[in-house]
Amino acid sequence: MHIMEGFLPLKWCLFWFVLTLPFLAVGLRSINKNVRAKPEIKLLLGLAGAFAFVLSALKIPSVTGSCSHPTGVGLGAMLFGPTTMSVLGCIVLLFQALLLAHGGLTTLGANTFSMAVVGPLVAYGIFRSGLRLRLPRSLVVFVAAFLGDLVTYVTTSLQLALAFPAPEGGVWASILKFMSIFAVTQVPLAVSEGILTLLVFNFLVAYNRQELEELNVLSREV
């Protein structure tokens, strides 16, 4: 992540783009509904997008044709749900491809699917499950952001392995190779992202509690 421009064969670029489209369509409807009902959340939407943009722009070279970096999508997924973060993540990736030469336009679908579809789905699922189980909120937020980051790189490893299977061992051998190389840089980055996401989340709890309650992120105080 991000897979660079022109690195994936065209058929895989189209495949991941088509797979991503339904999530973007649902996300756009979700954003429109939430903004109409709660116009005051626009600042939080901007914060979630900016958080993802800044963190995912901090890249470290990794597997050939790719790089390693935080994703920043866990925060937005916990606040607004996974499909809203799919839209914000796609916008972030588009701007990075155009302005920073980070990722690419042909690989936008693949990068969006790994970082802005799978990552938010996992982060949101863990966050909601943890709250239902009444686990400590700080632990839930950290784990959701941590695993939302890591699963992005598992997905990217799968994308690269499908496009470039190993001569011996095929896709499975290739995915294990990519994952092992990514892990060197991504595990500590995921820990850092979990800590930073928790700090920002706690800041929002302290200063934007009403908005979080309206979004059902926090229980309303009685």
C-alpha atoms as a PDB file:
ATOM      1  CA  MET A   1       0.000   0.000   0.000  1.00  0.00           C
ATOM      2  CA  HIS A   2      -0.197   2.150  -1.974  1.00  0.00           C
ATOM      3  CA  ILE A   3       0.425   0.056  -5.094  1.00  0.00           C
ATOM      4  CA  MET A   4       2.118   2.336  -7.576  1.00  0.00           C
ATOM      5  CA  GLU A   5       0.793   3.506 -10.944  1.00  0.00           C
ATOM      6  CA  GLY A   6       1.013   0.912 -13.722  1.00  0.00           C
ATOM      7  CA  PHE A   7       2.213  -1.906 -11.467  1.00  0.00           C
ATOM      8  CA  LEU A   8      -0.882  -4.133 -11.622  1.00  0.00           C
ATOM      9  CA  PRO A   9      -2.050  -5.774 -14.865  1.00  0.00           C
ATOM     10  CA  LEU A  10      -5.113  -4.091 -16.372  1.00  0.00           C
ATOM     11  CA  LYS A  11      -7.486  -6.998 -15.613  1.00  0.00           C
ATOM     12  CA  TRP A  12      -6.695  -6.756 -11.909  1.00  0.00           C
ATOM     13  CA  CYS A  13      -7.067  -2.974 -11.927  1.00  0.00           C
ATOM     14  CA  LEU A  14     -10.564  -3.367 -13.378  1.00  0.00           C
ATOM     15  CA  PHE A  15     -11.450  -6.223 -11.032  1.00  0.00           C
ATOM     16  CA  TRP A  16     -10.644  -4.292  -7.850  1.00  0.00           C
ATOM     17  CA  PHE A  17     -12.288  -1.135  -9.177  1.00  0.00           C
ATOM     18  CA  VAL A  18     -15.561  -2.951  -9.897  1.00  0.00           C
ATOM     19  CA  LEU A  19     -15.424  -4.676  -6.496  1.00  0.00           C
ATOM     20  CA  THR A  20     -15.033  -1.300  -4.768  1.00  0.00           C
ATOM     21  CA  LEU A  21     -17.890   0.539  -6.531  1.00  0.00           C
ATOM     22  CA  PRO A  22     -20.794  -0.831  -4.415  1.00  0.00           C
ATOM     23  CA  PHE A  23     -19.111   0.309  -1.195  1.00  0.00           C
ATOM     24  CA  LEU A  24     -18.638   3.800  -2.611  1.00  0.00           C
ATOM     25  CA  ALA A  25     -22.277   3.973  -3.703  1.00  0.00           C
ATOM     26  CA  VAL A  26     -23.537   2.954  -0.254  1.00  0.00           C
ATOM     27  CA  GLY A  27     -21.049   5.318   1.379  1.00  0.00           C
ATOM     28  CA  LEU A  28     -22.210   8.318  -0.646  1.00  0.00           C
ATOM     29  CA  ARG A  29     -25.814   7.663   0.367  1.00  0.00           C
ATOM     30  CA  SER A  30     -24.769   7.305   3.999  1.00  0.00           C
ATOM     31  CA  ILE A  31     -22.842  10.589   3.962  1.00  0.00           C
ATOM     32  CA  ASN A  32     -25.731  12.426   2.305  1.00  0.00           C
ATOM     33  CA  LYS A  33     -28.210  11.059   4.857  1.00  0.00           C
ATOM     34  CA  ASN A  34     -26.032  11.892   7.867  1.00  0.00           C
ATOM     35  CA  VAL A  35     -25.153  15.396   6.688  1.00  0.00           C
ATOM     36  CA  ARG A  36     -28.795  16.248   6.012  1.00  0.00           C
ATOM     37  CA  ALA A  37     -29.845  14.974   9.428  1.00  0.00           C
ATOM     38  CA  LYS A  38     -26.858  16.353  11.339  1.00  0.00           C
ATOM     39  CA  PRO A  39     -25.136  19.228   9.480  1.00  0.00           C
ATOM     40  CA  GLU A  40     -22.839  19.800  12.449  1.00  0.00           C
ATOM     41  CA  ILE A  41     -20.921  16.576  11.708  1.00  0.00           C
ATOM     42  CA  LYS A  42     -19.262  18.105   8.634  1.00  0.00           C
ATOM     43  CA  LEU A  43     -16.269  19.144  10.739  1.00  0.00           C
ATOM     44  CA  LEU A  44     -15.886  15.606  12.047  1.00  0.00           C
ATOM     45  CA  LEU A  45     -16.061  14.262   8.493  1.00  0.00           C
ATOM     46  CA  GLY A  46     -13.298  16.675   7.519  1.00  0.00           C
ATOM     47  CA  LEU A  47     -11.239  15.604  10.512  1.00  0.00           C
ATOM     48  CA  ALA A  48     -11.605  11.915   9.638  1.00  0.00           C
ATOM     49  CA  GLY A  49     -10.529  12.576   6.043  1.00  0.00           C
ATOM     50  CA  ALA A  50      -7.599  14.776   7.078  1.00  0.00           C
ATOM     51  CA  PHE A  51      -6.463  12.203   9.644  1.00  0.00           C
ATOM     52  CA  ALA A  52      -6.391   9.485   6.969  1.00  0.00           C
ATOM     53  CA  PHE A  53      -4.658  11.767   4.463  1.00  0.00           C
ATOM     54  CA  VAL A  54      -1.844  12.778   6.815  1.00  0.00           C
ATOM     55  CA  LEU A  55      -1.178   9.325   8.238  1.00  0.00           C
ATOM     56  CA  SER A  56      -1.310   7.483   4.929  1.00  0.00           C
ATOM     57  CA  ALA A  57       1.051  10.025   3.335  1.00  0.00           C
ATOM     58  CA  LEU A  58       3.821   9.050   5.781  1.00  0.00           C
ATOM     59  CA  LYS A  59       5.266   6.264   3.653  1.00  0.00           C
ATOM     60  CA  ILE A  60       8.232   3.936   4.057  1.00  0.00           C
ATOM     61  CA  PRO A  61       9.487   1.950   1.004  1.00  0.00           C
ATOM     62  CA  SER A  62       8.559  -1.726   1.304  1.00  0.00           C
ATOM     63  CA  VAL A  63       7.687  -4.484  -1.182  1.00  0.00           C
ATOM     64  CA  THR A  64       8.632  -3.753  -4.793  1.00  0.00           C
ATOM     65  CA  GLY A  65       5.992  -1.495  -6.309  1.00  0.00           C
ATOM     66  CA  SER A  66       4.519  -0.614  -2.950  1.00  0.00           C
ATOM     67  CA  CYS A  67       5.221   1.059   0.398  1.00  0.00           C
ATOM     68  CA  SER A  68       4.359   0.781   4.054  1.00  0.00           C
ATOM     69  CA  HIS A  69       2.550   3.432   6.091  1.00  0.00           C
ATOM     70  CA  PRO A  70      -0.253   3.986   8.605  1.00  0.00           C
ATOM     71  CA  THR A  71      -3.725   4.150   7.074  1.00  0.00           C
ATOM     72  CA  GLY A  72      -5.720   6.377   9.433  1.00  0.00           C
ATOM     73  CA  VAL A  73      -9.032   4.829   8.365  1.00  0.00           C
ATOM     74  CA  GLY A  74      -9.930   3.293  11.717  1.00  0.00           C
ATOM     75  CA  LEU A  75     -10.962   6.603  13.271  1.00  0.00           C
ATOM     76  CA  GLY A  76     -13.456   7.495  10.543  1.00  0.00           C
ATOM     77  CA  ALA A  77     -14.861   3.957  10.479  1.00  0.00           C
ATOM     78  CA  MET A  78     -15.544   4.081  14.219  1.00  0.00           C
ATOM     79  CA  LEU A  79     -17.194   7.505  13.945  1.00  0.00           C
ATOM     80  CA  PHE A  80     -19.265   7.129  10.769  1.00  0.00           C
ATOM     81  CA  GLY A  81     -19.231   3.487   9.724  1.00  0.00           C
ATOM     82  CA  PRO A  82     -17.161   1.614   7.146  1.00  0.00           C
ATOM     83  CA  THR A  83     -18.800   2.731   3.901  1.00  0.00           C
ATOM     84  CA  THR A  84     -18.514   6.427   4.742  1.00  0.00           C
ATOM     85  CA  MET A  85     -14.815   5.849   5.306  1.00  0.00           C
ATOM     86  CA  SER A  86     -14.658   4.056   1.937  1.00  0.00           C
ATOM     87  CA  VAL A  87     -15.659   7.314   0.239  1.00  0.00           C
ATOM     88  CA  LEU A  88     -13.307   9.451   2.337  1.00  0.00           C
ATOM     89  CA  GLY A  89     -10.489   6.973   1.801  1.00  0.00           C
ATOM     90  CA  CYS A  90     -11.027   6.947  -1.954  1.00  0.00           C
ATOM     91  CA  ILE A  91     -10.869  10.759  -2.023  1.00  0.00           C
ATOM     92  CA  VAL A  92      -7.675  10.666   0.047  1.00  0.00           C
ATOM     93  CA  LEU A  93      -6.088   8.131  -2.307  1.00  0.00           C
ATOM     94  CA  LEU A  94      -7.140  10.121  -5.373  1.00  0.00           C
ATOM     95  CA  PHE A  95      -5.576  13.331  -4.060  1.00  0.00           C
ATOM     96  CA  GLN A  96      -2.402  11.498  -3.054  1.00  0.00           C
ATOM     97  CA  ALA A  97      -2.107   9.940  -6.501  1.00  0.00           C
ATOM     98  CA  LEU A  98      -2.593  13.303  -8.226  1.00  0.00           C
ATOM     99  CA  LEU A  99      -0.633  15.566  -5.879  1.00  0.00           C
ATOM    100  CA  LEU A 100       1.995  13.332  -4.270  1.00  0.00           C
ATOM    101  CA  ALA A 101       2.523  10.595  -6.881  1.00  0.00           C
ATOM    102  CA  HIS A 102       1.655   8.221  -4.041  1.00  0.00           C
ATOM    103  CA  GLY A 103      -0.244   5.283  -5.489  1.00  0.00           C
ATOM    104  CA  GLY A 104      -1.824   5.739  -8.889  1.00  0.00           C
ATOM    105  CA  LEU A 105      -4.989   6.179 -10.925  1.00  0.00           C
ATOM    106  CA  THR A 106      -4.963   2.731 -12.530  1.00  0.00           C
ATOM    107  CA  THR A 107      -4.412   1.151  -9.115  1.00  0.00           C
ATOM    108  CA  LEU A 108      -6.955   3.387  -7.342  1.00  0.00           C
ATOM    109  CA  GLY A 109      -9.533   0.611  -7.154  1.00  0.00           C
ATOM    110  CA  ALA A 110      -7.077  -1.857  -5.612  1.00  0.00           C
ATOM    111  CA  ASN A 111      -5.722   0.681  -3.150  1.00  0.00           C
ATOM    112  CA  THR A 112      -9.220   1.819  -2.193  1.00  0.00           C
ATOM    113  CA  PHE A 113     -10.381  -1.742  -1.631  1.00  0.00           C
ATOM    114  CA  SER A 114      -7.502  -2.629   0.684  1.00  0.00           C
ATOM    115  CA  MET A 115      -7.244   0.631   2.642  1.00  0.00           C
ATOM    116  CA  ALA A 116     -10.741   2.112   2.453  1.00  0.00           C
ATOM    117  CA  VAL A 117     -12.993  -0.952   2.232  1.00  0.00           C
ATOM    118  CA  VAL A 118     -11.415  -3.876   4.081  1.00  0.00           C
ATOM    119  CA  GLY A 119      -9.589  -1.794   6.705  1.00  0.00           C
ATOM    120  CA  PRO A 120     -12.684   0.195   7.785  1.00  0.00           C
ATOM    121  CA  LEU A 121     -14.896  -2.930   7.773  1.00  0.00           C
ATOM    122  CA  VAL A 122     -12.540  -4.699  10.189  1.00  0.00           C
ATOM    123  CA  ALA A 123     -12.013  -1.631  12.390  1.00  0.00           C
ATOM    124  CA  TYR A 124     -15.762  -0.951  12.596  1.00  0.00           C
ATOM    125  CA  GLY A 125     -16.608  -4.592  13.299  1.00  0.00           C
ATOM    126  CA  ILE A 126     -14.089  -4.825  16.127  1.00  0.00           C
ATOM    127  CA  PHE A 127     -15.165  -1.475  17.586  1.00  0.00           C
ATOM    128  CA  ARG A 128     -18.870  -2.320  17.657  1.00  0.00           C
ATOM    129  CA  SER A 129     -18.265  -5.870  18.896  1.00  0.00           C
ATOM    130  CA  GLY A 130     -16.032  -4.611  21.686  1.00  0.00           C
ATOM    131  CA  LEU A 131     -18.611  -2.068  22.816  1.00  0.00           C
ATOM    132  CA  ARG A 132     -21.372  -4.690  22.847  1.00  0.00           C
ATOM    133  CA  LEU A 133     -19.163  -6.935  24.986  1.00  0.00           C
ATOM    134  CA  ARG A 134     -18.545  -3.956  27.300  1.00  0.00           C
ATOM    135  CA  LEU A 135     -14.785  -4.229  26.960  1.00  0.00           C
ATOM    136  CA  PRO A 136     -12.684  -1.216  28.039  1.00  0.00           C
ATOM    137  CA  ARG A 137     -13.238   1.483  25.404  1.00  0.00           C
ATOM    138  CA  SER A 138      -9.555   2.432  25.187  1.00  0.00           C
ATOM    139  CA  LEU A 139      -8.595  -1.180  24.465  1.00  0.00           C
ATOM    140  CA  VAL A 140     -11.324  -1.521  21.847  1.00  0.00           C
ATOM    141  CA  VAL A 141     -10.307   1.669  20.021  1.00  0.00           C
ATOM    142  CA  PHE A 142      -6.626   0.669  20.004  1.00  0.00           C
ATOM    143  CA  VAL A 143      -7.267  -2.874  18.765  1.00  0.00           C
ATOM    144  CA  ALA A 144      -9.737  -1.682  16.104  1.00  0.00           C
ATOM    145  CA  ALA A 145      -7.235   0.822  14.673  1.00  0.00           C
ATOM    146  CA  PHE A 146      -4.340  -1.646  14.980  1.00  0.00           C
ATOM    147  CA  LEU A 147      -6.078  -4.500  13.164  1.00  0.00           C
ATOM    148  CA  GLY A 148      -7.749  -2.179  10.657  1.00  0.00           C
ATOM    149  CA  ASP A 149      -4.232  -1.148   9.663  1.00  0.00           C
ATOM    150  CA  LEU A 150      -2.780  -4.658   9.530  1.00  0.00           C
ATOM    151  CA  VAL A 151      -5.622  -6.169   7.507  1.00  0.00           C
ATOM    152  CA  THR A 152      -5.027  -3.539   4.843  1.00  0.00           C
ATOM    153  CA  TYR A 153      -1.574  -5.003   4.272  1.00  0.00           C
ATOM    154  CA  VAL A 154      -2.868  -8.553   4.297  1.00  0.00           C
ATOM    155  CA  THR A 155      -5.262  -7.507   1.529  1.00  0.00           C
ATOM    156  CA  THR A 156      -2.514  -5.740  -0.402  1.00  0.00           C
ATOM    157  CA  SER A 157      -0.360  -8.860  -0.098  1.00  0.00           C
ATOM    158  CA  LEU A 158      -3.236 -10.882  -1.565  1.00  0.00           C
ATOM    159  CA  GLN A 159      -3.664  -8.375  -4.402  1.00  0.00           C
ATOM    160  CA  LEU A 160       0.018  -8.543  -5.282  1.00  0.00           C
ATOM    161  CA  ALA A 161       0.108 -12.332  -4.954  1.00  0.00           C
ATOM    162  CA  LEU A 162      -2.878 -12.790  -7.276  1.00  0.00           C
ATOM    163  CA  ALA A 163      -1.233 -10.565  -9.885  1.00  0.00           C
ATOM    164  CA  PHE A 164       2.241 -12.055  -9.441  1.00  0.00           C
ATOM    165  CA  PRO A 165       2.064 -15.666  -8.201  1.00  0.00           C
ATOM    166  CA  ALA A 166       5.367 -17.295  -7.322  1.00  0.00           C
ATOM    167  CA  PRO A 167       6.808 -19.726  -9.908  1.00  0.00           C
ATOM    168  CA  GLU A 168       6.932 -22.332  -7.161  1.00  0.00           C
ATOM    169  CA  GLY A 169       4.064 -22.443  -4.717  1.00  0.00           C
ATOM    170  CA  GLY A 170       1.807 -20.075  -6.651  1.00  0.00           C
ATOM    171  CA  VAL A 171      -0.408 -17.528  -4.911  1.00  0.00           C
ATOM    172  CA  TRP A 172       0.013 -18.913  -1.387  1.00  0.00           C
ATOM    173  CA  ALA A 173       3.788 -18.797  -1.535  1.00  0.00           C
ATOM    174  CA  SER A 174       3.638 -15.298  -2.955  1.00  0.00           C
ATOM    175  CA  ILE A 175       1.212 -13.949  -0.344  1.00  0.00           C
ATOM    176  CA  LEU A 176       3.331 -15.336   2.499  1.00  0.00           C
ATOM    177  CA  LYS A 177       6.401 -13.671   1.018  1.00  0.00           C
ATOM    178  CA  PHE A 178       4.694 -10.297   0.672  1.00  0.00           C
ATOM    179  CA  MET A 179       3.162 -10.489   4.158  1.00  0.00           C
ATOM    180  CA  SER A 180       6.456 -11.370   5.811  1.00  0.00           C
ATOM    181  CA  ILE A 181       8.213  -8.412   4.168  1.00  0.00           C
ATOM    182  CA  PHE A 182       5.387  -6.006   4.999  1.00  0.00           C
ATOM    183  CA  ALA A 183       5.348  -7.168   8.632  1.00  0.00           C
ATOM    184  CA  VAL A 184       8.837  -5.797   9.321  1.00  0.00           C
ATOM    185  CA  THR A 185       7.656  -2.207   8.942  1.00  0.00           C
ATOM    186  CA  GLN A 186       3.895  -2.533   9.313  1.00  0.00           C
ATOM    187  CA  VAL A 187       3.557  -4.110  12.750  1.00  0.00           C
ATOM    188  CA  PRO A 188       5.289  -1.209  14.557  1.00  0.00           C
ATOM    189  CA  LEU A 189       3.431   1.286  12.343  1.00  0.00           C
ATOM    190  CA  ALA A 190       0.120  -0.352  13.259  1.00  0.00           C
ATOM    191  CA  VAL A 191       0.951  -0.081  16.958  1.00  0.00           C
ATOM    192  CA  SER A 192       1.769   3.606  16.480  1.00  0.00           C
ATOM    193  CA  GLU A 193      -1.487   4.157  14.588  1.00  0.00           C
ATOM    194  CA  GLY A 194      -3.465   2.450  17.343  1.00  0.00           C
ATOM    195  CA  ILE A 195      -1.963   4.745  19.971  1.00  0.00           C
ATOM    196  CA  LEU A 196      -2.455   7.908  17.904  1.00  0.00           C
ATOM    197  CA  THR A 197      -6.040   6.969  17.019  1.00  0.00           C
ATOM    198  CA  LEU A 198      -6.788   6.417  20.695  1.00  0.00           C
ATOM    199  CA  LEU A 199      -5.391   9.843  21.584  1.00  0.00           C
ATOM    200  CA  VAL A 200      -7.516  11.579  18.937  1.00  0.00           C
ATOM    201  CA  PHE A 201     -10.606   9.556  19.906  1.00  0.00           C
ATOM    202  CA  ASN A 202     -10.200  10.507  23.572  1.00  0.00           C
ATOM    203  CA  PHE A 203      -9.826  14.148  22.536  1.00  0.00           C
ATOM    204  CA  LEU A 204     -13.121  13.936  20.650  1.00  0.00           C
ATOM    205  CA  VAL A 205     -14.802  12.305  23.636  1.00  0.00           C
ATOM    206  CA  ALA A 206     -13.675  15.220  25.793  1.00  0.00           C
ATOM    207  CA  TYR A 207     -14.605  18.046  23.416  1.00  0.00           C
ATOM    208  CA  ASN A 208     -17.172  16.637  20.942  1.00  0.00           C
ATOM    209  CA  ARG A 209     -19.168  14.287  23.123  1.00  0.00           C
ATOM    210  CA  GLN A 210     -22.558  15.544  21.945  1.00  0.00           C
ATOM    211  CA  GLU A 211     -21.734  14.842  18.303  1.00  0.00           C
ATOM    212  CA  LEU A 212     -20.438  11.358  19.178  1.00  0.00           C
ATOM    213  CA  GLU A 213     -23.631  10.616  21.080  1.00  0.00           C
ATOM    214  CA  GLU A 214     -25.734  11.744  18.104  1.00  0.00           C
ATOM    215  CA  LEU A 215     -23.718   9.398  15.887  1.00  0.00           C
ATOM    216  CA  ASN A 216     -24.276   6.571  18.420  1.00  0.00           C
ATOM    217  CA  VAL A 217     -20.553   6.239  18.927  1.00  0.00           C
ATOM    218  CA  LEU A 218     -21.059   6.879  22.644  1.00  0.00           C
ATOM    219  CA  SER A 219     -24.006   6.123  24.873  1.00  0.00           C
ATOM    220  CA  ARG A 220     -25.980   9.185  25.883  1.00  0.00           C
ATOM    221  CA  GLU A 221     -25.351  10.377  29.398  1.00  0.00           C
ATOM    222  CA  VAL A 222     -28.352  10.264  31.683  1.00  0.00           C
END
